[in-house]
Structure formats: structure tokens, C-alpha cells
C-alpha atoms as a PDB file:
ATOM      1  CA  MET A   1      37.616  47.415 -53.379  1.00  0.00           C
ATOM      2  CA  THR A   2      35.909  51.051 -52.681  1.00  0.00           C
ATOM      3  CA  GLU A   3      35.737  52.822 -56.016  1.00  0.00           C
ATOM      4  CA  LYS A   4      36.858  56.471 -56.607  1.00  0.00           C
ATOM      5  CA  ILE A   5      35.121  59.295 -58.116  1.00  0.00           C
ATOM      6  CA  ALA A   6      36.375  62.229 -59.458  1.00  0.00           C
ATOM      7  CA  VAL A   7      34.398  65.413 -60.351  1.00  0.00           C
ATOM      8  CA  LEU A   8      37.163  67.780 -62.375  1.00  0.00           C
ATOM      9  CA  GLY A   9      36.009  70.858 -62.489  1.00  0.00           C
ATOM     10  CA  ALA A  10      33.725  71.517 -59.227  1.00  0.00           C
ATOM     11  CA  GLY A  11      31.459  74.544 -60.636  1.00  0.00           C
ATOM     12  CA  LYS A  12      27.650  74.584 -60.001  1.00  0.00           C
ATOM     13  CA  ILE A  13      26.623  70.980 -61.992  1.00  0.00           C
ATOM     14  CA  GLY A  14      30.272  69.606 -60.556  1.00  0.00           C
ATOM     15  CA  GLU A  15      29.472  70.051 -57.142  1.00  0.00           C
ATOM     16  CA  ALA A  16      25.810  69.090 -57.655  1.00  0.00           C
ATOM     17  CA  LEU A  17      26.891  65.691 -58.688  1.00  0.00           C
ATOM     18  CA  LEU A  18      28.993  65.510 -55.843  1.00  0.00           C
ATOM     19  CA  GLY A  19      26.196  66.945 -53.356  1.00  0.00           C
ATOM     20  CA  GLY A  20      23.795  64.285 -54.834  1.00  0.00           C
ATOM     21  CA  MET A  21      26.276  61.436 -54.470  1.00  0.00           C
ATOM     22  CA  ARG A  22      26.744  62.452 -50.763  1.00  0.00           C
ATOM     23  CA  ARG A  23      23.175  62.506 -50.333  1.00  0.00           C
ATOM     24  CA  GLY A  24      23.098  59.025 -51.749  1.00  0.00           C
ATOM     25  CA  GLY A  25      25.112  57.442 -49.387  1.00  0.00           C
ATOM     26  CA  ARG A  26      27.991  57.555 -50.892  1.00  0.00           C
ATOM     27  CA  ALA A  27      30.983  58.310 -48.788  1.00  0.00           C
ATOM     28  CA  ALA A  28      33.547  61.273 -48.899  1.00  0.00           C
ATOM     29  CA  ALA A  29      36.502  59.235 -48.820  1.00  0.00           C
ATOM     30  CA  ASP A  30      35.349  58.063 -52.108  1.00  0.00           C
ATOM     31  CA  LEU A  31      34.888  61.448 -53.625  1.00  0.00           C
ATOM     32  CA  LEU A  32      37.723  63.822 -55.347  1.00  0.00           C
ATOM     33  CA  ALA A  33      36.971  67.161 -56.708  1.00  0.00           C
ATOM     34  CA  THR A  34      39.491  69.664 -58.592  1.00  0.00           C
ATOM     35  CA  CYS A  35      39.212  73.311 -58.904  1.00  0.00           C
ATOM     36  CA  ARG A  36      41.467  76.392 -59.963  1.00  0.00           C
ATOM     37  CA  ARG A  37      40.906  78.458 -56.976  1.00  0.00           C
ATOM     38  CA  ALA A  38      42.299  77.574 -53.605  1.00  0.00           C
ATOM     39  CA  GLU A  39      39.046  79.720 -52.121  1.00  0.00           C
ATOM     40  CA  ARG A  40      36.838  76.761 -54.035  1.00  0.00           C
ATOM     41  CA  ALA A  41      38.608  74.420 -52.822  1.00  0.00           C
ATOM     42  CA  ALA A  42      38.613  75.308 -49.040  1.00  0.00           C
ATOM     43  CA  GLU A  43      34.650  75.728 -49.837  1.00  0.00           C
ATOM     44  CA  LEU A  44      34.039  72.112 -50.671  1.00  0.00           C
ATOM     45  CA  ARG A  45      36.421  70.690 -48.011  1.00  0.00           C
ATOM     46  CA  ALA A  46      33.938  72.112 -45.569  1.00  0.00           C
ATOM     47  CA  ARG A  47      30.540  71.811 -47.490  1.00  0.00           C
ATOM     48  CA  HIS A  48      30.915  67.976 -48.375  1.00  0.00           C
ATOM     49  CA  GLY A  49      33.976  66.826 -46.403  1.00  0.00           C
ATOM     50  CA  ILE A  50      36.062  65.476 -49.360  1.00  0.00           C
ATOM     51  CA  GLU A  51      39.196  65.982 -51.005  1.00  0.00           C
ATOM     52  CA  VAL A  52      40.705  68.244 -53.538  1.00  0.00           C
ATOM     53  CA  VAL A  53      43.289  67.125 -55.374  1.00  0.00           C
ATOM     54  CA  THR A  54      45.002  68.628 -58.455  1.00  0.00           C
ATOM     55  CA  ASN A  55      43.792  66.843 -61.851  1.00  0.00           C
ATOM     56  CA  ALA A  56      47.044  64.558 -62.430  1.00  0.00           C
ATOM     57  CA  GLU A  57      46.355  63.100 -58.859  1.00  0.00           C
ATOM     58  CA  ALA A  58      42.557  62.566 -59.758  1.00  0.00           C
ATOM     59  CA  ALA A  59      43.644  60.926 -63.099  1.00  0.00           C
ATOM     60  CA  LYS A  60      45.921  58.605 -61.345  1.00  0.00           C
ATOM     61  CA  THR A  61      44.151  57.879 -58.084  1.00  0.00           C
ATOM     62  CA  ALA A  62      39.723  57.888 -59.596  1.00  0.00           C
ATOM     63  CA  ASP A  63      38.471  54.827 -61.052  1.00  0.00           C
ATOM     64  CA  THR A  64      35.834  57.371 -62.836  1.00  0.00           C
ATOM     65  CA  LEU A  65      36.292  60.637 -63.938  1.00  0.00           C
ATOM     66  CA  ILE A  66      33.889  63.387 -64.564  1.00  0.00           C
ATOM     67  CA  LEU A  67      34.978  66.175 -66.937  1.00  0.00           C
ATOM     68  CA  ALA A  68      32.739  68.992 -65.733  1.00  0.00           C
ATOM     69  CA  VAL A  69      34.584  72.118 -67.282  1.00  0.00           C
ATOM     70  CA  LYS A  70      33.737  74.218 -69.763  1.00  0.00           C
ATOM     71  CA  PRO A  71      33.407  73.090 -73.600  1.00  0.00           C
ATOM     72  CA  GLN A  72      36.509  75.929 -74.358  1.00  0.00           C
ATOM     73  CA  ASP A  73      38.736  74.159 -71.688  1.00  0.00           C
ATOM     74  CA  MET A  74      38.089  70.672 -72.504  1.00  0.00           C
ATOM     75  CA  GLY A  75      41.048  70.200 -74.923  1.00  0.00           C
ATOM     76  CA  ALA A  76      43.865  71.812 -72.188  1.00  0.00           C
ATOM     77  CA  LEU A  77      42.070  69.557 -69.274  1.00  0.00           C
ATOM     78  CA  LEU A  78      42.551  66.618 -71.880  1.00  0.00           C
ATOM     79  CA  GLU A  79      46.306  66.827 -73.037  1.00  0.00           C
ATOM     80  CA  GLU A  80      47.024  67.903 -68.856  1.00  0.00           C
ATOM     81  CA  LEU A  81      45.133  63.887 -68.310  1.00  0.00           C
ATOM     82  CA  ALA A  82      46.815  62.237 -71.033  1.00  0.00           C
ATOM     83  CA  PRO A  83      49.512  61.357 -69.720  1.00  0.00           C
ATOM     84  CA  HIS A  84      48.006  59.837 -66.341  1.00  0.00           C
ATOM     85  CA  THR A  85      44.538  58.308 -67.443  1.00  0.00           C
ATOM     86  CA  PRO A  86      44.696  54.946 -67.746  1.00  0.00           C
ATOM     87  CA  ALA A  87      42.977  52.940 -70.632  1.00  0.00           C
ATOM     88  CA  ASP A  88      40.623  51.417 -67.814  1.00  0.00           C
ATOM     89  CA  ARG A  89      39.282  54.426 -66.212  1.00  0.00           C
ATOM     90  CA  LEU A  90      35.528  55.854 -67.410  1.00  0.00           C
ATOM     91  CA  VAL A  91      35.480  58.884 -68.416  1.00  0.00           C
ATOM     92  CA  ILE A  92      32.901  61.347 -68.950  1.00  0.00           C
ATOM     93  CA  SER A  93      32.199  64.357 -70.173  1.00  0.00           C
ATOM     94  CA  THR A  94      29.265  66.767 -69.444  1.00  0.00           C
ATOM     95  CA  ALA A  95      30.552  69.410 -71.809  1.00  0.00           C
ATOM     96  CA  ALA A  96      28.169  70.860 -74.203  1.00  0.00           C
ATOM     97  CA  GLY A  97      29.274  69.948 -78.041  1.00  0.00           C
ATOM     98  CA  ILE A  98      32.114  68.118 -77.156  1.00  0.00           C
ATOM     99  CA  THR A  99      31.900  64.830 -78.779  1.00  0.00           C
ATOM    100  CA  THR A 100      33.110  61.188 -77.143  1.00  0.00           C
ATOM    101  CA  ARG A 101      35.660  60.918 -80.229  1.00  0.00           C
ATOM    102  CA  PHE A 102      37.197  64.350 -79.305  1.00  0.00           C
ATOM    103  CA  VAL A 103      37.650  62.955 -75.850  1.00  0.00           C
ATOM    104  CA  GLU A 104      38.966  59.493 -76.793  1.00  0.00           C
ATOM    105  CA  ASP A 105      41.117  60.864 -79.442  1.00  0.00           C
ATOM    106  CA  ARG A 106      43.578  62.753 -76.655  1.00  0.00           C
ATOM    107  CA  LEU A 107      42.977  59.933 -74.012  1.00  0.00           C
ATOM    108  CA  SER A 108      45.049  56.230 -73.725  1.00  0.00           C
ATOM    109  CA  PRO A 109      43.428  53.873 -76.727  1.00  0.00           C
ATOM    110  CA  GLY A 110      40.717  52.186 -75.947  1.00  0.00           C
ATOM    111  CA  THR A 111      39.339  54.351 -72.822  1.00  0.00           C
ATOM    112  CA  PRO A 112      35.999  54.268 -72.508  1.00  0.00           C
ATOM    113  CA  VAL A 113      34.151  57.361 -72.333  1.00  0.00           C
ATOM    114  CA  VAL A 114      30.409  58.213 -71.523  1.00  0.00           C
ATOM    115  CA  ARG A 115      28.906  61.994 -72.823  1.00  0.00           C
ATOM    116  CA  ALA A 116      26.669  63.285 -70.633  1.00  0.00           C
ATOM    117  CA  MET A 117      24.316  66.706 -70.453  1.00  0.00           C
ATOM    118  CA  PRO A 118      22.493  67.430 -67.474  1.00  0.00           C
ATOM    119  CA  ASN A 119      20.813  70.229 -66.621  1.00  0.00           C
ATOM    120  CA  THR A 120      21.203  73.006 -63.870  1.00  0.00           C
ATOM    121  CA  PRO A 121      17.697  71.516 -61.647  1.00  0.00           C
ATOM    122  CA  ALA A 122      20.705  68.922 -60.634  1.00  0.00           C
ATOM    123  CA  LEU A 123      21.190  71.803 -58.447  1.00  0.00           C
ATOM    124  CA  VAL A 124      17.869  70.728 -56.553  1.00  0.00           C
ATOM    125  CA  ASP A 125      17.958  66.705 -57.377  1.00  0.00           C
ATOM    126  CA  GLU A 126      15.560  67.655 -60.448  1.00  0.00           C
ATOM    127  CA  ALA A 127      17.952  67.354 -63.247  1.00  0.00           C
ATOM    128  CA  MET A 128      17.686  65.500 -66.512  1.00  0.00           C
ATOM    129  CA  SER A 129      20.519  63.867 -67.649  1.00  0.00           C
ATOM    130  CA  VAL A 130      21.160  62.639 -71.041  1.00  0.00           C
ATOM    131  CA  LEU A 131      23.478  59.931 -71.604  1.00  0.00           C
ATOM    132  CA  SER A 132      25.625  58.487 -74.840  1.00  0.00           C
ATOM    133  CA  ALA A 133      27.718  55.848 -74.853  1.00  0.00           C
ATOM    134  CA  GLY A 134      31.504  56.459 -77.219  1.00  0.00           C
ATOM    135  CA  ALA A 135      33.354  53.863 -79.137  1.00  0.00           C
ATOM    136  CA  HIS A 136      34.956  51.926 -76.342  1.00  0.00           C
ATOM    137  CA  ALA A 137      32.019  52.044 -73.903  1.00  0.00           C
ATOM    138  CA  GLY A 138      29.813  49.181 -72.667  1.00  0.00           C
ATOM    139  CA  GLU A 139      26.622  48.640 -70.974  1.00  0.00           C
ATOM    140  CA  GLU A 140      28.350  48.227 -67.680  1.00  0.00           C
ATOM    141  CA  HIS A 141      30.019  52.200 -68.528  1.00  0.00           C
ATOM    142  CA  LEU A 142      26.003  53.809 -69.108  1.00  0.00           C
ATOM    143  CA  ALA A 143      24.583  52.008 -66.264  1.00  0.00           C
ATOM    144  CA  HIS A 144      27.415  52.737 -63.905  1.00  0.00           C
ATOM    145  CA  ALA A 145      26.838  56.809 -65.704  1.00  0.00           C
ATOM    146  CA  GLU A 146      22.789  56.220 -64.493  1.00  0.00           C
ATOM    147  CA  ALA A 147      23.967  55.596 -60.936  1.00  0.00           C
ATOM    148  CA  VAL A 148      25.847  58.568 -60.669  1.00  0.00           C
ATOM    149  CA  PHE A 149      23.587  61.159 -62.629  1.00  0.00           C
ATOM    150  CA  ARG A 150      20.347  59.675 -60.612  1.00  0.00           C
ATOM    151  CA  SER A 151      21.481  61.134 -57.712  1.00  0.00           C
ATOM    152  CA  VAL A 152      20.239  64.425 -59.082  1.00  0.00           C
ATOM    153  CA  GLY A 153      17.377  63.291 -61.057  1.00  0.00           C
ATOM    154  CA  ARG A 154      16.141  61.481 -64.114  1.00  0.00           C
ATOM    155  CA  THR A 155      18.713  60.090 -67.252  1.00  0.00           C
ATOM    156  CA  ILE A 156      17.722  59.228 -70.147  1.00  0.00           C
ATOM    157  CA  ARG A 157      20.406  57.510 -73.095  1.00  0.00           C
ATOM    158  CA  LEU A 158      20.061  58.570 -76.566  1.00  0.00           C
ATOM    159  CA  PRO A 159      22.877  57.749 -79.396  1.00  0.00           C
ATOM    160  CA  GLU A 160      25.268  60.674 -79.758  1.00  0.00           C
ATOM    161  CA  SER A 161      23.948  61.751 -82.844  1.00  0.00           C
ATOM    162  CA  GLN A 162      20.880  63.293 -81.002  1.00  0.00           C
ATOM    163  CA  GLN A 163      23.164  65.100 -78.045  1.00  0.00           C
ATOM    164  CA  ASP A 164      22.436  68.487 -79.895  1.00  0.00           C
ATOM    165  CA  ALA A 165      19.259  68.139 -80.136  1.00  0.00           C
ATOM    166  CA  ALA A 166      19.065  67.044 -76.607  1.00  0.00           C
ATOM    167  CA  THR A 167      21.166  69.797 -75.438  1.00  0.00           C
ATOM    168  CA  ALA A 168      19.121  72.490 -77.110  1.00  0.00           C
ATOM    169  CA  LEU A 169      15.931  71.116 -75.602  1.00  0.00           C
ATOM    170  CA  SER A 170      16.705  69.917 -72.177  1.00  0.00           C
ATOM    171  CA  GLY A 171      20.387  71.132 -71.261  1.00  0.00           C
ATOM    172  CA  SER A 172      19.161  74.968 -72.359  1.00  0.00           C
ATOM    173  CA  GLY A 173      15.517  74.118 -71.668  1.00  0.00           C
ATOM    174  CA  PRO A 174      15.189  75.870 -68.022  1.00  0.00           C
ATOM    175  CA  ALA A 175      16.449  78.948 -69.081  1.00  0.00           C
ATOM    176  CA  TYR A 176      13.434  79.137 -71.231  1.00  0.00           C
ATOM    177  CA  PHE A 177      11.203  78.392 -68.999  1.00  0.00           C
ATOM    178  CA  TYR A 178      12.604  81.076 -66.564  1.00  0.00           C
ATOM    179  CA  PHE A 179      12.389  83.386 -69.621  1.00  0.00           C
ATOM    180  CA  LEU A 180       8.794  82.725 -69.933  1.00  0.00           C
ATOM    181  CA  VAL A 181       7.927  83.202 -66.074  1.00  0.00           C
ATOM    182  CA  GLU A 182      10.282  86.418 -66.508  1.00  0.00           C
ATOM    183  CA  ALA A 183       8.071  88.133 -69.144  1.00  0.00           C
ATOM    184  CA  MET A 184       4.918  86.333 -67.159  1.00  0.00           C
ATOM    185  CA  THR A 185       6.049  88.231 -64.017  1.00  0.00           C
ATOM    186  CA  ASP A 186       5.987  91.526 -66.015  1.00  0.00           C
ATOM    187  CA  ALA A 187       2.777  90.682 -67.654  1.00  0.00           C
ATOM    188  CA  GLY A 188       1.126  90.352 -64.055  1.00  0.00           C
ATOM    189  CA  ILE A 189       2.657  93.875 -62.817  1.00  0.00           C
ATOM    190  CA  LEU A 190       1.290  95.545 -66.304  1.00  0.00           C
ATOM    191  CA  LEU A 191      -2.024  94.166 -65.454  1.00  0.00           C
ATOM    192  CA  GLY A 192      -1.892  95.677 -62.051  1.00  0.00           C
ATOM    193  CA  LEU A 193      -0.591  92.971 -59.658  1.00  0.00           C
ATOM    194  CA  PRO A 194       2.397  93.994 -56.913  1.00  0.00           C
ATOM    195  CA  ARG A 195       6.110  91.790 -58.280  1.00  0.00           C
ATOM    196  CA  ASP A 196       6.095  89.625 -55.747  1.00  0.00           C
ATOM    197  CA  LYS A 197       2.611  88.047 -55.895  1.00  0.00           C
ATOM    198  CA  ALA A 198       2.744  87.693 -59.322  1.00  0.00           C
ATOM    199  CA  HIS A 199       5.749  85.519 -58.710  1.00  0.00           C
ATOM    200  CA  ASP A 200       4.385  83.076 -56.382  1.00  0.00           C
ATOM    201  CA  LEU A 201       0.938  83.117 -59.105  1.00  0.00           C
ATOM    202  CA  ILE A 202       3.512  82.488 -61.777  1.00  0.00           C
ATOM    203  CA  VAL A 203       5.480  80.027 -60.354  1.00  0.00           C
ATOM    204  CA  GLN A 204       2.626  77.696 -58.551  1.00  0.00           C
ATOM    205  CA  ALA A 205       1.024  77.573 -62.080  1.00  0.00           C
ATOM    206  CA  ALA A 206       4.555  76.674 -63.895  1.00  0.00           C
ATOM    207  CA  TYR A 207       5.117  73.823 -60.972  1.00  0.00           C
ATOM    208  CA  GLY A 208       1.446  72.776 -60.789  1.00  0.00           C
ATOM    209  CA  ALA A 209       1.837  71.884 -64.955  1.00  0.00           C
ATOM    210  CA  SER A 210       4.512  70.455 -64.883  1.00  0.00           C
ATOM    211  CA  VAL A 211       3.789  67.634 -62.228  1.00  0.00           C
ATOM    212  CA  MET A 212       0.216  67.427 -64.250  1.00  0.00           C
ATOM    213  CA  LEU A 213       2.266  66.706 -67.648  1.00  0.00           C
ATOM    214  CA  ARG A 214       4.467  63.773 -65.866  1.00  0.00           C
ATOM    215  CA  ASP A 215       2.157  62.309 -63.749  1.00  0.00           C
ATOM    216  CA  SER A 216      -0.867  62.328 -66.164  1.00  0.00           C
ATOM    217  CA  GLY A 217       0.249  60.645 -69.083  1.00  0.00           C
ATOM    218  CA  GLU A 218      -1.995  63.108 -70.811  1.00  0.00           C
ATOM    219  CA  HIS A 219      -0.501  65.095 -74.452  1.00  0.00           C
ATOM    220  CA  PRO A 220       0.215  68.579 -73.539  1.00  0.00           C
ATOM    221  CA  VAL A 221      -2.538  69.534 -76.303  1.00  0.00           C
ATOM    222  CA  ARG A 222      -5.352  67.321 -74.326  1.00  0.00           C
ATOM    223  CA  LEU A 223      -3.958  69.696 -71.121  1.00  0.00           C
ATOM    224  CA  ARG A 224      -4.328  72.861 -72.531  1.00  0.00           C
ATOM    225  CA  GLU A 225      -8.054  71.831 -74.022  1.00  0.00           C
ATOM    226  CA  ALA A 226      -9.298  71.479 -70.523  1.00  0.00           C
ATOM    227  CA  VAL A 227      -8.268  74.618 -69.724  1.00  0.00           C
ATOM    228  CA  THR A 228      -9.562  76.784 -73.127  1.00  0.00           C
ATOM    229  CA  SER A 229     -12.924  76.978 -72.772  1.00  0.00           C
ATOM    230  CA  PRO A 230     -14.954  78.390 -75.944  1.00  0.00           C
ATOM    231  CA  GLY A 231     -15.144  82.517 -75.905  1.00  0.00           C
ATOM    232  CA  GLY A 232     -12.881  82.257 -72.280  1.00  0.00           C
ATOM    233  CA  THR A 233     -10.016  83.980 -71.216  1.00  0.00           C
ATOM    234  CA  THR A 234      -7.326  81.555 -72.447  1.00  0.00           C
ATOM    235  CA  ILE A 235      -8.453  80.926 -76.063  1.00  0.00           C
ATOM    236  CA  SER A 236      -8.163  84.476 -75.751  1.00  0.00           C
ATOM    237  CA  ALA A 237      -4.328  84.495 -75.499  1.00  0.00           C
ATOM    238  CA  ILE A 238      -3.331  81.173 -76.880  1.00  0.00           C
ATOM    239  CA  ARG A 239      -4.642  83.654 -80.289  1.00  0.00           C
ATOM    240  CA  GLU A 240      -2.315  86.264 -79.155  1.00  0.00           C
ATOM    241  CA  LEU A 241       0.678  83.940 -78.707  1.00  0.00           C
ATOM    242  CA  GLU A 242      -0.287  82.223 -82.273  1.00  0.00           C
ATOM    243  CA  LYS A 243      -0.366  85.529 -83.570  1.00  0.00           C
ATOM    244  CA  HIS A 244       3.170  86.824 -82.266  1.00  0.00           C
ATOM    245  CA  GLY A 245       4.000  83.613 -83.723  1.00  0.00           C
ATOM    246  CA  VAL A 246       5.533  82.412 -80.260  1.00  0.00           C
ATOM    247  CA  ARG A 247       5.716  78.846 -81.581  1.00  0.00           C
ATOM    248  CA  ALA A 248       7.769  79.377 -84.465  1.00  0.00           C
ATOM    249  CA  ALA A 249       9.976  81.944 -82.322  1.00  0.00           C
ATOM    250  CA  PHE A 250      10.748  78.397 -80.005  1.00  0.00           C
ATOM    251  CA  LEU A 251      11.423  76.319 -83.081  1.00  0.00           C
ATOM    252  CA  ALA A 252      13.779  78.887 -84.089  1.00  0.00           C
ATOM    253  CA  ALA A 253      15.407  79.452 -81.259  1.00  0.00           C
ATOM    254  CA  LEU A 254      15.968  75.474 -80.307  1.00  0.00           C
ATOM    255  CA  GLU A 255      17.072  75.108 -83.783  1.00  0.00           C
ATOM    256  CA  ALA A 256      19.773  78.084 -82.716  1.00  0.00           C
ATOM    257  CA  ALA A 257      20.977  76.201 -79.756  1.00  0.00           C
ATOM    258  CA  ARG A 258      21.589  73.058 -81.429  1.00  0.00           C
ATOM    259  CA  ASP A 259      23.380  74.637 -84.293  1.00  0.00           C
ATOM    260  CA  ARG A 260      25.597  76.508 -81.416  1.00  0.00           C
ATOM    261  CA  SER A 261      26.267  72.628 -79.904  1.00  0.00           C
ATOM    262  CA  ARG A 262      27.770  72.162 -83.525  1.00  0.00           C
ATOM    263  CA  GLU A 263      29.960  74.695 -83.226  1.00  0.00           C
ATOM    264  CA  LEU A 264      31.162  74.170 -79.817  1.00  0.00           C
ATOM    265  CA  ALA A 265      32.169  70.728 -81.483  1.00  0.00           C
ATOM    266  CA  SER A 266      34.267  72.097 -84.241  1.00  0.00           C
ATOM    267  CA  GLY A 267      35.758  74.192 -82.099  1.00  0.00           C
ATOM    268  CA  GLY A 268      33.847  77.264 -81.442  1.00  0.00           C
ATOM    269  CA  ASN A 269      34.376  79.441 -78.553  1.00  0.00           C
ATOM    270  CA  GLY A 270      32.540  81.757 -75.796  1.00  0.00           C
ATOM    271  CA  PRO A 271      29.484  80.362 -73.649  1.00  0.00           C
ATOM    272  CA  THR A 272      26.498  77.474 -74.037  1.00  0.00           C
END
């Protein structure tokens, strides 16, 4: 029997998952999506060949429900789904700060829930998705969730108690790199380079450094030291970064992101 997967709230991450599953060989007939706007539904049908349905229809029809809505919309969605979602459905939530307990308490007793935190490189199949099992989710549920999220990158399992930290580090992580590239590009312009050339230089440096970090197995300190000659240009730059407290700023920034994730879990409103 063919399994159906529904993505409820097909925004950027939701559509990335749909596209990844299609590229991974899953048939369009096995996928469903929900969205608020008719024009968005038409886009999804045209782009992926999938059926777009209501939330209630998705809950009744699909074997796996991926809840890809914003944290502040999760309560209303679960209230809508509850009358139509049998306890044997696997429910996967991608909303930052929303705990598995929050989802479980609003659905049928015993519903298996997996909490997932992908990041936006899912759009280019280079995501890191952090997965945590709820009280009723077993190995088979986690394995199934991994298969879904591996269609857009890598996965890692963590205890749910570490999800807020993972959200701060990985979920929000791409934004920190974009911020850094933006700042370094501005610096290149200040030093006399055209914007497009500065951008290309920084992006390739960032890409090459990322590949080396991933593939070399070396500690980042050793890789940095390999570039840092005594009395050279790099150590002069690093001295300025340390003087301006860049390391401490990153520590404070990630703590702030983690704390915001906790606020979302306790009912705080606003964007992530």
C-alpha cells in the first residue's frame, strides 16, 4: 500500500521538502500540500504536479503529516486537525520552539510526534535537519522522518531538550553567515573592490572553507592556524576581531536565539 505524505503550510521550507521528495523519486500522487491562497495552490500544482487540499482532507488522507507553519499558527492548525487526525498518523512539526508535548496534547492520545528543525539550505538540498522523538514516537518513526528530511540534506538526532540550542545554532545559522558575507563584502568595497568582485571572492572563500571543514576532519583552529602566518595579514585581522569582541558577540547572539526559541515554546508571539 502506497504511503501518502502531506505538507501542511507549503511555504519555503514546506515546498523545499516537496521538491526534495519528488527529486528523490517519490511520486506526485503520493504527496499532498495545503496552503492558504488559491494562487499559491496553483503554483504548487504546476511546479510539482501534486494535489493541494484542505487541512482536514490532508489529516484524513495522509499517513504522515508535516506541519510546516509558523510557531504562532500552530495552535490554530492543531485545533483544526484534531477532529480528523487518527492516533496512528505520524506528525512531524518543523515550527521553531514548538515542543512535541504541545502537539501531543492537542491530538489523539498516543499520536507519534517528531520535532524537526531544518534550515533554509533545504532549498538547495544542503540542509541540516535536527530530529527529536516525542513520547510516542519510536525508532520506525524517527527513521521515516530521517528519510523525508534526507531528501533535502543531512539529518542528526538530538534529545528534545537540546532542540532550542540546535535551533539557535543550525536553524538560524545560515543567517549569521549571510550577515558575515554582507559585512565582508562591504569591507571589500571600502578597500576599493567592485561590489560584484568582492561578493564573488567572499562567497567562494566561504564555500571552500566550508568544504574543507566538512571533508578534512580537521579542527577549525588547526585550519585557521594554517592560514595565519607569524606577523602576516591574517593575524593582524584576527587581532582586530578579538579586540572588537566578535567571539563574545557570537556567544551572546546564539544565547539570545536560544532564549527566543524557548519564548516561542511558552507562547511568545512574533517572528523567529
